[in-house]
Amino acid sequence: MDGTKPAVRVVSVTFNPGAELEGFASSLADASTAPVSLVLVDNGSDPGVVDDVAARYGATVLRPGTNLGYGAAANLGARDGDEPWVVVANPDVVWRPGALDELVAAGERHPRAGSLGPQILNLDGTVYPSARAIPSLTQGAGHAVLVRVWPGNPWTRAYRRSHEHVLATEHAVGWLSGACLLLRREAMTAVGGFDDAFFMFFEDVDLGDRLGQAGWQNVYVPAAKVVHDQGASWRERPTAMIHAHHRSAAQYLHRRYDAPWQAPLRRAISAGLRVRAWWETRGR
């Protein structure tokens, strides 16, 4: 063996990005000592920033000609490569030095890891709870109803797995945030990648769920760190994004509870999520 590290394909889905895209591309250089190919899938209508960053950082640009949504665009970006590892990450992520190397090393330690996620830091340095349990109906309802008025409620704590010792430990979880995710190509191919039916939000929950059902692990790696500007994609269209989030939540839960006899439950889920979306967007 010559000691060459396996190549990594890094896919970022963009939609009319700003200066954050250059921060993503420039920080990637110090994140990995392995060969990296950067692919930008442009879902937007303004090519200026994407083309400029691609030219300066040697990225490949794919333009589907329409907004495919996050998961479908990520699948497109990963499709034609043969690298054993695929990163899917938001363009408003900044890599800490060595972060991608840490993720790949963890993948080599965990041969059944289908996905691996870093510790995601907010702009203020606090840790975002990116490693979570698959939500049960009871847990999901308790979290959804109480998180705004009682952030520390037991259902939210269980859902986010936000205890300090959990966030500091490398371990398998139910699912990992799609804001920055390392995928083993073998596992991604085995489950068909992201489900294109999820336009935005919950495609990461669904992927983690399906990987787990197929016998793969979703491994949280706190030694790998990135910074994510959580609000970059929300600021201009908060109401639309909130409604999209709740529609995807209903879509995911309807699939989990799809038996004919569960039709009343699905109606109740839809009604509850519509009320919650209205509550969160009132006055905007």
C-alpha atoms as a PDB file:
ATOM      1  CA  MET A   1       0.000   0.000   0.000  1.00  0.00           C
ATOM      2  CA  ASP A   2       1.239   3.501  -0.840  1.00  0.00           C
ATOM      3  CA  GLY A   3      -0.504   5.225   2.055  1.00  0.00           C
ATOM      4  CA  THR A   4      -2.681   7.321  -0.247  1.00  0.00           C
ATOM      5  CA  LYS A   5      -5.859   8.382   1.485  1.00  0.00           C
ATOM      6  CA  PRO A   6      -9.181   7.557  -0.186  1.00  0.00           C
ATOM      7  CA  ALA A   7     -10.674  10.347  -2.260  1.00  0.00           C
ATOM      8  CA  VAL A   8     -13.678  12.312  -1.054  1.00  0.00           C
ATOM      9  CA  ARG A   9     -16.389  13.943  -3.164  1.00  0.00           C
ATOM     10  CA  VAL A  10     -17.811  17.036  -1.478  1.00  0.00           C
ATOM     11  CA  VAL A  11     -21.264  18.050  -2.705  1.00  0.00           C
ATOM     12  CA  SER A  12     -22.832  21.366  -1.751  1.00  0.00           C
ATOM     13  CA  VAL A  13     -26.308  22.324  -2.900  1.00  0.00           C
ATOM     14  CA  THR A  14     -26.582  26.053  -3.579  1.00  0.00           C
ATOM     15  CA  PHE A  15     -29.477  28.436  -4.150  1.00  0.00           C
ATOM     16  CA  ASN A  16     -28.380  31.977  -5.037  1.00  0.00           C
ATOM     17  CA  PRO A  17     -25.662  31.973  -2.334  1.00  0.00           C
ATOM     18  CA  GLY A  18     -23.731  34.937  -1.006  1.00  0.00           C
ATOM     19  CA  ALA A  19     -20.257  35.310   0.460  1.00  0.00           C
ATOM     20  CA  GLU A  20     -20.758  32.222   2.633  1.00  0.00           C
ATOM     21  CA  LEU A  21     -19.993  29.936  -0.330  1.00  0.00           C
ATOM     22  CA  GLU A  22     -16.417  31.183  -0.547  1.00  0.00           C
ATOM     23  CA  GLY A  23     -16.017  30.575   3.194  1.00  0.00           C
ATOM     24  CA  PHE A  24     -17.117  27.003   2.628  1.00  0.00           C
ATOM     25  CA  ALA A  25     -14.762  26.413  -0.301  1.00  0.00           C
ATOM     26  CA  SER A  26     -11.732  28.138   1.226  1.00  0.00           C
ATOM     27  CA  SER A  27     -12.040  26.337   4.577  1.00  0.00           C
ATOM     28  CA  LEU A  28     -12.309  22.965   2.822  1.00  0.00           C
ATOM     29  CA  ALA A  29      -8.635  23.206   1.831  1.00  0.00           C
ATOM     30  CA  ASP A  30      -7.526  22.783   5.460  1.00  0.00           C
ATOM     31  CA  ALA A  31     -10.179  20.227   6.355  1.00  0.00           C
ATOM     32  CA  SER A  32      -8.674  17.274   4.501  1.00  0.00           C
ATOM     33  CA  THR A  33      -5.304  15.911   3.443  1.00  0.00           C
ATOM     34  CA  ALA A  34      -7.036  13.451   1.103  1.00  0.00           C
ATOM     35  CA  PRO A  35      -7.830  14.205  -2.543  1.00  0.00           C
ATOM     36  CA  VAL A  36     -11.085  16.187  -2.603  1.00  0.00           C
ATOM     37  CA  SER A  37     -13.359  16.953  -5.548  1.00  0.00           C
ATOM     38  CA  LEU A  38     -15.825  19.773  -4.934  1.00  0.00           C
ATOM     39  CA  VAL A  39     -19.180  19.664  -6.742  1.00  0.00           C
ATOM     40  CA  LEU A  40     -21.635  22.558  -6.551  1.00  0.00           C
ATOM     41  CA  VAL A  41     -25.192  21.717  -7.549  1.00  0.00           C
ATOM     42  CA  ASP A  42     -26.810  25.031  -8.420  1.00  0.00           C
ATOM     43  CA  ASN A  43     -30.549  25.022  -7.747  1.00  0.00           C
ATOM     44  CA  GLY A  44     -30.777  28.795  -8.089  1.00  0.00           C
ATOM     45  CA  SER A  45     -31.244  31.317 -10.875  1.00  0.00           C
ATOM     46  CA  ASP A  46     -28.239  33.612 -10.340  1.00  0.00           C
ATOM     47  CA  PRO A  47     -24.991  31.887 -11.425  1.00  0.00           C
ATOM     48  CA  GLY A  48     -22.592  34.702 -10.538  1.00  0.00           C
ATOM     49  CA  VAL A  49     -21.305  33.678  -7.105  1.00  0.00           C
ATOM     50  CA  VAL A  50     -21.327  29.951  -7.889  1.00  0.00           C
ATOM     51  CA  ASP A  51     -19.335  30.362 -11.102  1.00  0.00           C
ATOM     52  CA  ASP A  52     -16.826  32.689  -9.445  1.00  0.00           C
ATOM     53  CA  VAL A  53     -16.171  30.331  -6.530  1.00  0.00           C
ATOM     54  CA  ALA A  54     -16.014  27.323  -8.853  1.00  0.00           C
ATOM     55  CA  ALA A  55     -13.420  29.004 -11.053  1.00  0.00           C
ATOM     56  CA  ARG A  56     -11.210  30.010  -8.132  1.00  0.00           C
ATOM     57  CA  TYR A  57     -11.432  26.737  -6.187  1.00  0.00           C
ATOM     58  CA  GLY A  58     -11.562  24.205  -9.006  1.00  0.00           C
ATOM     59  CA  ALA A  59     -15.127  23.053  -8.411  1.00  0.00           C
ATOM     60  CA  THR A  60     -17.450  21.341 -10.861  1.00  0.00           C
ATOM     61  CA  VAL A  61     -20.840  23.019 -11.297  1.00  0.00           C
ATOM     62  CA  LEU A  62     -23.983  21.028 -12.106  1.00  0.00           C
ATOM     63  CA  ARG A  63     -27.105  22.906 -13.171  1.00  0.00           C
ATOM     64  CA  PRO A  64     -30.255  20.789 -13.353  1.00  0.00           C
ATOM     65  CA  GLY A  65     -32.219  23.702 -14.832  1.00  0.00           C
ATOM     66  CA  THR A  66     -34.784  23.685 -12.047  1.00  0.00           C
ATOM     67  CA  ASN A  67     -34.822  23.692  -8.261  1.00  0.00           C
ATOM     68  CA  LEU A  68     -34.671  19.974  -7.458  1.00  0.00           C
ATOM     69  CA  GLY A  69     -34.769  20.428  -3.704  1.00  0.00           C
ATOM     70  CA  TYR A  70     -31.969  19.492  -1.323  1.00  0.00           C
ATOM     71  CA  GLY A  71     -31.970  15.689  -1.365  1.00  0.00           C
ATOM     72  CA  ALA A  72     -32.468  15.233  -5.107  1.00  0.00           C
ATOM     73  CA  ALA A  73     -29.726  17.778  -5.850  1.00  0.00           C
ATOM     74  CA  ALA A  74     -27.362  16.043  -3.414  1.00  0.00           C
ATOM     75  CA  ASN A  75     -28.050  12.725  -5.156  1.00  0.00           C
ATOM     76  CA  LEU A  76     -27.249  14.349  -8.510  1.00  0.00           C
ATOM     77  CA  GLY A  77     -23.967  15.693  -7.192  1.00  0.00           C
ATOM     78  CA  ALA A  78     -22.914  12.290  -5.862  1.00  0.00           C
ATOM     79  CA  ARG A  79     -24.143  10.207  -8.776  1.00  0.00           C
ATOM     80  CA  ASP A  80     -21.303  10.015 -11.294  1.00  0.00           C
ATOM     81  CA  GLY A  81     -18.353   9.737  -8.939  1.00  0.00           C
ATOM     82  CA  ASP A  82     -16.490   6.672  -7.743  1.00  0.00           C
ATOM     83  CA  GLU A  83     -14.987   8.112  -4.552  1.00  0.00           C
ATOM     84  CA  PRO A  84     -15.672   5.847  -1.553  1.00  0.00           C
ATOM     85  CA  TRP A  85     -16.768   8.822   0.561  1.00  0.00           C
ATOM     86  CA  VAL A  86     -19.313  11.525  -0.265  1.00  0.00           C
ATOM     87  CA  VAL A  87     -19.855  14.667   1.791  1.00  0.00           C
ATOM     88  CA  VAL A  88     -23.165  16.494   1.547  1.00  0.00           C
ATOM     89  CA  ALA A  89     -22.974  19.915   3.169  1.00  0.00           C
ATOM     90  CA  ASN A  90     -24.705  23.281   3.192  1.00  0.00           C
ATOM     91  CA  PRO A  91     -22.775  26.159   1.610  1.00  0.00           C
ATOM     92  CA  ASP A  92     -23.002  28.155   4.862  1.00  0.00           C
ATOM     93  CA  VAL A  93     -20.744  25.693   6.679  1.00  0.00           C
ATOM     94  CA  VAL A  94     -17.146  26.607   7.569  1.00  0.00           C
ATOM     95  CA  TRP A  95     -14.798  23.678   8.147  1.00  0.00           C
ATOM     96  CA  ARG A  96     -12.409  23.637  11.071  1.00  0.00           C
ATOM     97  CA  PRO A  97      -8.899  22.407  10.160  1.00  0.00           C
ATOM     98  CA  GLY A  98      -8.713  18.611   9.897  1.00  0.00           C
ATOM     99  CA  ALA A  99     -12.478  18.133  10.296  1.00  0.00           C
ATOM    100  CA  LEU A 100     -12.957  16.052   7.162  1.00  0.00           C
ATOM    101  CA  ASP A 101      -9.914  13.910   7.975  1.00  0.00           C
ATOM    102  CA  GLU A 102     -11.459  13.216  11.395  1.00  0.00           C
ATOM    103  CA  LEU A 103     -14.729  12.104   9.818  1.00  0.00           C
ATOM    104  CA  VAL A 104     -13.042   9.753   7.353  1.00  0.00           C
ATOM    105  CA  ALA A 105     -10.834   8.304  10.097  1.00  0.00           C
ATOM    106  CA  ALA A 106     -13.923   7.609  12.182  1.00  0.00           C
ATOM    107  CA  GLY A 107     -15.512   5.921   9.178  1.00  0.00           C
ATOM    108  CA  GLU A 108     -12.521   3.624   8.936  1.00  0.00           C
ATOM    109  CA  ARG A 109     -12.850   2.797  12.646  1.00  0.00           C
ATOM    110  CA  HIS A 110     -16.543   2.008  12.218  1.00  0.00           C
ATOM    111  CA  PRO A 111     -16.916  -0.240   9.147  1.00  0.00           C
ATOM    112  CA  ARG A 112     -20.718  -0.290   9.477  1.00  0.00           C
ATOM    113  CA  ALA A 113     -20.977   3.506   9.595  1.00  0.00           C
ATOM    114  CA  GLY A 114     -23.129   4.516   6.659  1.00  0.00           C
ATOM    115  CA  SER A 115     -23.135   8.169   7.688  1.00  0.00           C
ATOM    116  CA  LEU A 116     -20.946  10.235   9.977  1.00  0.00           C
ATOM    117  CA  GLY A 117     -21.588  13.725  11.254  1.00  0.00           C
ATOM    118  CA  PRO A 118     -19.327  16.319  12.870  1.00  0.00           C
ATOM    119  CA  GLN A 119     -19.976  18.454  15.896  1.00  0.00           C
ATOM    120  CA  ILE A 120     -21.794  21.475  14.491  1.00  0.00           C
ATOM    121  CA  LEU A 121     -21.096  24.776  16.212  1.00  0.00           C
ATOM    122  CA  ASN A 122     -23.333  27.823  16.070  1.00  0.00           C
ATOM    123  CA  LEU A 123     -21.792  31.203  15.305  1.00  0.00           C
ATOM    124  CA  ASP A 124     -21.599  31.959  19.036  1.00  0.00           C
ATOM    125  CA  GLY A 125     -19.606  28.786  19.687  1.00  0.00           C
ATOM    126  CA  THR A 126     -22.430  26.807  21.273  1.00  0.00           C
ATOM    127  CA  VAL A 127     -23.027  23.252  20.117  1.00  0.00           C
ATOM    128  CA  TYR A 128     -25.997  22.614  17.854  1.00  0.00           C
ATOM    129  CA  PRO A 129     -27.763  19.302  18.696  1.00  0.00           C
ATOM    130  CA  SER A 130     -27.101  17.667  15.326  1.00  0.00           C
ATOM    131  CA  ALA A 131     -27.084  14.042  16.562  1.00  0.00           C
ATOM    132  CA  ARG A 132     -30.598  12.948  17.390  1.00  0.00           C
ATOM    133  CA  ALA A 133     -32.854  10.011  18.039  1.00  0.00           C
ATOM    134  CA  ILE A 134     -35.437   8.889  15.506  1.00  0.00           C
ATOM    135  CA  PRO A 135     -38.555  10.688  16.761  1.00  0.00           C
ATOM    136  CA  SER A 136     -41.359   8.568  18.127  1.00  0.00           C
ATOM    137  CA  LEU A 137     -44.868   9.967  17.896  1.00  0.00           C
ATOM    138  CA  THR A 138     -45.077  10.682  21.641  1.00  0.00           C
ATOM    139  CA  GLN A 139     -41.621  12.200  21.752  1.00  0.00           C
ATOM    140  CA  GLY A 140     -42.203  14.225  18.580  1.00  0.00           C
ATOM    141  CA  ALA A 141     -45.516  15.598  19.835  1.00  0.00           C
ATOM    142  CA  GLY A 142     -44.069  16.528  23.231  1.00  0.00           C
ATOM    143  CA  HIS A 143     -41.123  18.259  21.586  1.00  0.00           C
ATOM    144  CA  ALA A 144     -43.270  20.107  19.027  1.00  0.00           C
ATOM    145  CA  VAL A 145     -45.811  21.376  21.555  1.00  0.00           C
ATOM    146  CA  LEU A 146     -43.504  22.312  24.415  1.00  0.00           C
ATOM    147  CA  VAL A 147     -40.128  23.292  22.960  1.00  0.00           C
ATOM    148  CA  ARG A 148     -40.995  27.002  22.659  1.00  0.00           C
ATOM    149  CA  VAL A 149     -42.430  27.365  26.160  1.00  0.00           C
ATOM    150  CA  TRP A 150     -40.316  24.749  28.004  1.00  0.00           C
ATOM    151  CA  PRO A 151     -37.069  24.181  26.053  1.00  0.00           C
ATOM    152  CA  GLY A 152     -35.735  21.758  28.662  1.00  0.00           C
ATOM    153  CA  ASN A 153     -38.714  19.412  28.609  1.00  0.00           C
ATOM    154  CA  PRO A 154     -37.848  15.689  28.699  1.00  0.00           C
ATOM    155  CA  TRP A 155     -39.197  14.988  25.204  1.00  0.00           C
ATOM    156  CA  THR A 156     -37.019  17.677  23.630  1.00  0.00           C
ATOM    157  CA  ARG A 157     -33.977  16.507  25.604  1.00  0.00           C
ATOM    158  CA  ALA A 158     -34.521  12.934  24.438  1.00  0.00           C
ATOM    159  CA  TYR A 159     -35.127  14.003  20.840  1.00  0.00           C
ATOM    160  CA  ARG A 160     -32.049  16.196  20.666  1.00  0.00           C
ATOM    161  CA  ARG A 161     -29.906  13.975  22.895  1.00  0.00           C
ATOM    162  CA  SER A 162     -28.469  17.263  24.116  1.00  0.00           C
ATOM    163  CA  HIS A 163     -26.870  16.141  27.378  1.00  0.00           C
ATOM    164  CA  GLU A 164     -23.272  17.314  27.649  1.00  0.00           C
ATOM    165  CA  HIS A 165     -21.771  13.819  27.827  1.00  0.00           C
ATOM    166  CA  VAL A 166     -23.701  12.743  24.719  1.00  0.00           C
ATOM    167  CA  LEU A 167     -22.493  15.706  22.672  1.00  0.00           C
ATOM    168  CA  ALA A 168     -18.880  15.010  23.678  1.00  0.00           C
ATOM    169  CA  THR A 169     -18.833  11.292  22.845  1.00  0.00           C
ATOM    170  CA  GLU A 170     -18.372   9.472  19.532  1.00  0.00           C
ATOM    171  CA  HIS A 171     -21.315   7.114  19.205  1.00  0.00           C
ATOM    172  CA  ALA A 172     -24.118   5.854  16.977  1.00  0.00           C
ATOM    173  CA  VAL A 173     -27.383   7.818  16.918  1.00  0.00           C
ATOM    174  CA  GLY A 174     -30.730   7.673  15.132  1.00  0.00           C
ATOM    175  CA  TRP A 175     -29.940  10.346  12.529  1.00  0.00           C
ATOM    176  CA  LEU A 176     -27.524  13.176  11.811  1.00  0.00           C
ATOM    177  CA  SER A 177     -28.068  16.678  10.494  1.00  0.00           C
ATOM    178  CA  GLY A 178     -27.845  16.974   6.717  1.00  0.00           C
ATOM    179  CA  ALA A 179     -26.137  20.352   7.139  1.00  0.00           C
ATOM    180  CA  CYS A 180     -22.835  18.443   7.047  1.00  0.00           C
ATOM    181  CA  LEU A 181     -22.762  14.706   6.525  1.00  0.00           C
ATOM    182  CA  LEU A 182     -20.135  12.197   5.398  1.00  0.00           C
ATOM    183  CA  LEU A 183     -21.680   9.226   3.591  1.00  0.00           C
ATOM    184  CA  ARG A 184     -20.066   5.909   2.740  1.00  0.00           C
ATOM    185  CA  ARG A 185     -20.849   5.530  -0.964  1.00  0.00           C
ATOM    186  CA  GLU A 186     -21.535   1.818  -0.530  1.00  0.00           C
ATOM    187  CA  ALA A 187     -24.220   2.559   2.064  1.00  0.00           C
ATOM    188  CA  MET A 188     -25.628   5.501   0.124  1.00  0.00           C
ATOM    189  CA  THR A 189     -25.991   3.314  -2.957  1.00  0.00           C
ATOM    190  CA  ALA A 190     -27.517   0.459  -0.960  1.00  0.00           C
ATOM    191  CA  VAL A 191     -30.421   2.588   0.292  1.00  0.00           C
ATOM    192  CA  GLY A 192     -30.809   4.715  -2.841  1.00  0.00           C
ATOM    193  CA  GLY A 193     -29.459   7.942  -1.387  1.00  0.00           C
ATOM    194  CA  PHE A 194     -31.801  10.688  -0.224  1.00  0.00           C
ATOM    195  CA  ASP A 195     -35.464  10.279  -1.032  1.00  0.00           C
ATOM    196  CA  ASP A 196     -36.221  12.785  -3.803  1.00  0.00           C
ATOM    197  CA  ALA A 197     -39.796  13.095  -2.526  1.00  0.00           C
ATOM    198  CA  PHE A 198     -38.575  15.308   0.342  1.00  0.00           C
ATOM    199  CA  PHE A 199     -38.050  18.692  -1.295  1.00  0.00           C
ATOM    200  CA  MET A 200     -36.565  20.348   1.787  1.00  0.00           C
ATOM    201  CA  PHE A 201     -36.276  19.264   5.440  1.00  0.00           C
ATOM    202  CA  PHE A 202     -36.561  15.768   6.938  1.00  0.00           C
ATOM    203  CA  GLU A 203     -34.605  14.200   4.079  1.00  0.00           C
ATOM    204  CA  ASP A 204     -31.802  13.696   6.628  1.00  0.00           C
ATOM    205  CA  VAL A 205     -34.142  12.124   9.203  1.00  0.00           C
ATOM    206  CA  ASP A 206     -35.504   9.796   6.543  1.00  0.00           C
ATOM    207  CA  LEU A 207     -32.024   8.835   5.318  1.00  0.00           C
ATOM    208  CA  GLY A 208     -30.767   8.094   8.833  1.00  0.00           C
ATOM    209  CA  ASP A 209     -33.879   6.019   9.505  1.00  0.00           C
ATOM    210  CA  ARG A 210     -33.454   3.977   6.314  1.00  0.00           C
ATOM    211  CA  LEU A 211     -29.725   3.472   6.883  1.00  0.00           C
ATOM    212  CA  GLY A 212     -30.459   2.145  10.362  1.00  0.00           C
ATOM    213  CA  GLN A 213     -33.141  -0.196   9.079  1.00  0.00           C
ATOM    214  CA  ALA A 214     -30.681  -1.525   6.491  1.00  0.00           C
ATOM    215  CA  GLY A 215     -28.111  -2.378   9.179  1.00  0.00           C
ATOM    216  CA  TRP A 216     -25.853   0.682   8.867  1.00  0.00           C
ATOM    217  CA  GLN A 217     -24.908   3.054  11.668  1.00  0.00           C
ATOM    218  CA  ASN A 218     -25.153   6.842  11.871  1.00  0.00           C
ATOM    219  CA  VAL A 219     -22.086   7.885  13.866  1.00  0.00           C
ATOM    220  CA  TYR A 220     -21.624  11.244  15.574  1.00  0.00           C
ATOM    221  CA  VAL A 221     -17.959  12.382  15.605  1.00  0.00           C
ATOM    222  CA  PRO A 222     -17.421  15.364  17.947  1.00  0.00           C
ATOM    223  CA  ALA A 223     -13.684  15.490  17.211  1.00  0.00           C
ATOM    224  CA  ALA A 224     -14.628  16.794  13.761  1.00  0.00           C
ATOM    225  CA  LYS A 225     -15.940  20.349  14.011  1.00  0.00           C
ATOM    226  CA  VAL A 226     -17.662  22.738  11.620  1.00  0.00           C
ATOM    227  CA  VAL A 227     -19.357  26.093  12.129  1.00  0.00           C
ATOM    228  CA  HIS A 228     -22.804  26.551  10.619  1.00  0.00           C
ATOM    229  CA  ASP A 229     -24.584  29.847  10.113  1.00  0.00           C
ATOM    230  CA  GLN A 230     -28.009  28.314  10.801  1.00  0.00           C
ATOM    231  CA  GLY A 231     -29.889  31.418   9.730  1.00  0.00           C
ATOM    232  CA  ALA A 232     -28.281  32.025   6.335  1.00  0.00           C
ATOM    233  CA  SER A 233     -30.883  30.039   4.414  1.00  0.00           C
ATOM    234  CA  TRP A 234     -33.837  31.281   6.510  1.00  0.00           C
ATOM    235  CA  ARG A 235     -33.408  35.046   6.775  1.00  0.00           C
ATOM    236  CA  GLU A 236     -35.027  36.153   3.539  1.00  0.00           C
ATOM    237  CA  ARG A 237     -37.970  33.707   3.613  1.00  0.00           C
ATOM    238  CA  PRO A 238     -38.664  32.638   7.204  1.00  0.00           C
ATOM    239  CA  THR A 239     -42.403  32.084   6.756  1.00  0.00           C
ATOM    240  CA  ALA A 240     -41.975  29.942   3.645  1.00  0.00           C
ATOM    241  CA  MET A 241     -39.241  27.909   5.329  1.00  0.00           C
ATOM    242  CA  ILE A 242     -41.329  27.273   8.452  1.00  0.00           C
ATOM    243  CA  HIS A 243     -44.249  26.042   6.377  1.00  0.00           C
ATOM    244  CA  ALA A 244     -41.927  23.837   4.296  1.00  0.00           C
ATOM    245  CA  HIS A 245     -40.483  22.334   7.480  1.00  0.00           C
ATOM    246  CA  HIS A 246     -43.917  21.421   8.811  1.00  0.00           C
ATOM    247  CA  ARG A 247     -45.063  19.969   5.482  1.00  0.00           C
ATOM    248  CA  SER A 248     -42.014  17.715   5.398  1.00  0.00           C
ATOM    249  CA  ALA A 249     -42.595  16.674   9.016  1.00  0.00           C
ATOM    250  CA  ALA A 250     -46.125  15.603   8.070  1.00  0.00           C
ATOM    251  CA  GLN A 251     -44.805  13.751   5.027  1.00  0.00           C
ATOM    252  CA  TYR A 252     -42.271  11.828   7.112  1.00  0.00           C
ATOM    253  CA  LEU A 253     -44.721  10.954   9.883  1.00  0.00           C
ATOM    254  CA  HIS A 254     -47.406   9.872   7.413  1.00  0.00           C
ATOM    255  CA  ARG A 255     -44.924   7.356   6.013  1.00  0.00           C
ATOM    256  CA  ARG A 256     -44.058   6.031   9.447  1.00  0.00           C
ATOM    257  CA  TYR A 257     -47.721   5.580  10.334  1.00  0.00           C
ATOM    258  CA  ASP A 258     -49.061   4.456   6.968  1.00  0.00           C
ATOM    259  CA  ALA A 259     -51.364   1.579   7.931  1.00  0.00           C
ATOM    260  CA  PRO A 260     -54.990   1.990   6.807  1.00  0.00           C
ATOM    261  CA  TRP A 261     -56.202   1.857  10.397  1.00  0.00           C
ATOM    262  CA  GLN A 262     -53.881   4.776  11.243  1.00  0.00           C
ATOM    263  CA  ALA A 263     -55.705   7.215   8.935  1.00  0.00           C
ATOM    264  CA  PRO A 264     -57.255   9.126  11.879  1.00  0.00           C
ATOM    265  CA  LEU A 265     -53.785   9.476  13.375  1.00  0.00           C
ATOM    266  CA  ARG A 266     -52.439  10.894  10.106  1.00  0.00           C
ATOM    267  CA  ARG A 267     -55.253  13.434  10.001  1.00  0.00           C
ATOM    268  CA  ALA A 268     -54.491  14.447  13.576  1.00  0.00           C
ATOM    269  CA  ILE A 269     -50.775  14.811  12.747  1.00  0.00           C
ATOM    270  CA  SER A 270     -51.570  17.048   9.768  1.00  0.00           C
ATOM    271  CA  ALA A 271     -53.942  19.212  11.787  1.00  0.00           C
ATOM    272  CA  GLY A 272     -51.503  19.571  14.674  1.00  0.00           C
ATOM    273  CA  LEU A 273     -48.629  20.546  12.392  1.00  0.00           C
ATOM    274  CA  ARG A 274     -50.769  23.102  10.543  1.00  0.00           C
ATOM    275  CA  VAL A 275     -51.687  24.707  13.856  1.00  0.00           C
ATOM    276  CA  ARG A 276     -48.037  24.733  14.961  1.00  0.00           C
ATOM    277  CA  ALA A 277     -46.929  26.311  11.659  1.00  0.00           C
ATOM    278  CA  TRP A 278     -49.612  28.981  12.025  1.00  0.00           C
ATOM    279  CA  TRP A 279     -48.499  29.668  15.607  1.00  0.00           C
ATOM    280  CA  GLU A 280     -44.852  30.052  14.591  1.00  0.00           C
ATOM    281  CA  THR A 281     -45.594  32.351  11.648  1.00  0.00           C
ATOM    282  CA  ARG A 282     -48.274  34.560  13.154  1.00  0.00           C
ATOM    283  CA  GLY A 283     -47.356  38.237  12.871  1.00  0.00           C
ATOM    284  CA  ARG A 284     -44.589  37.679  10.308  1.00  0.00           C
END
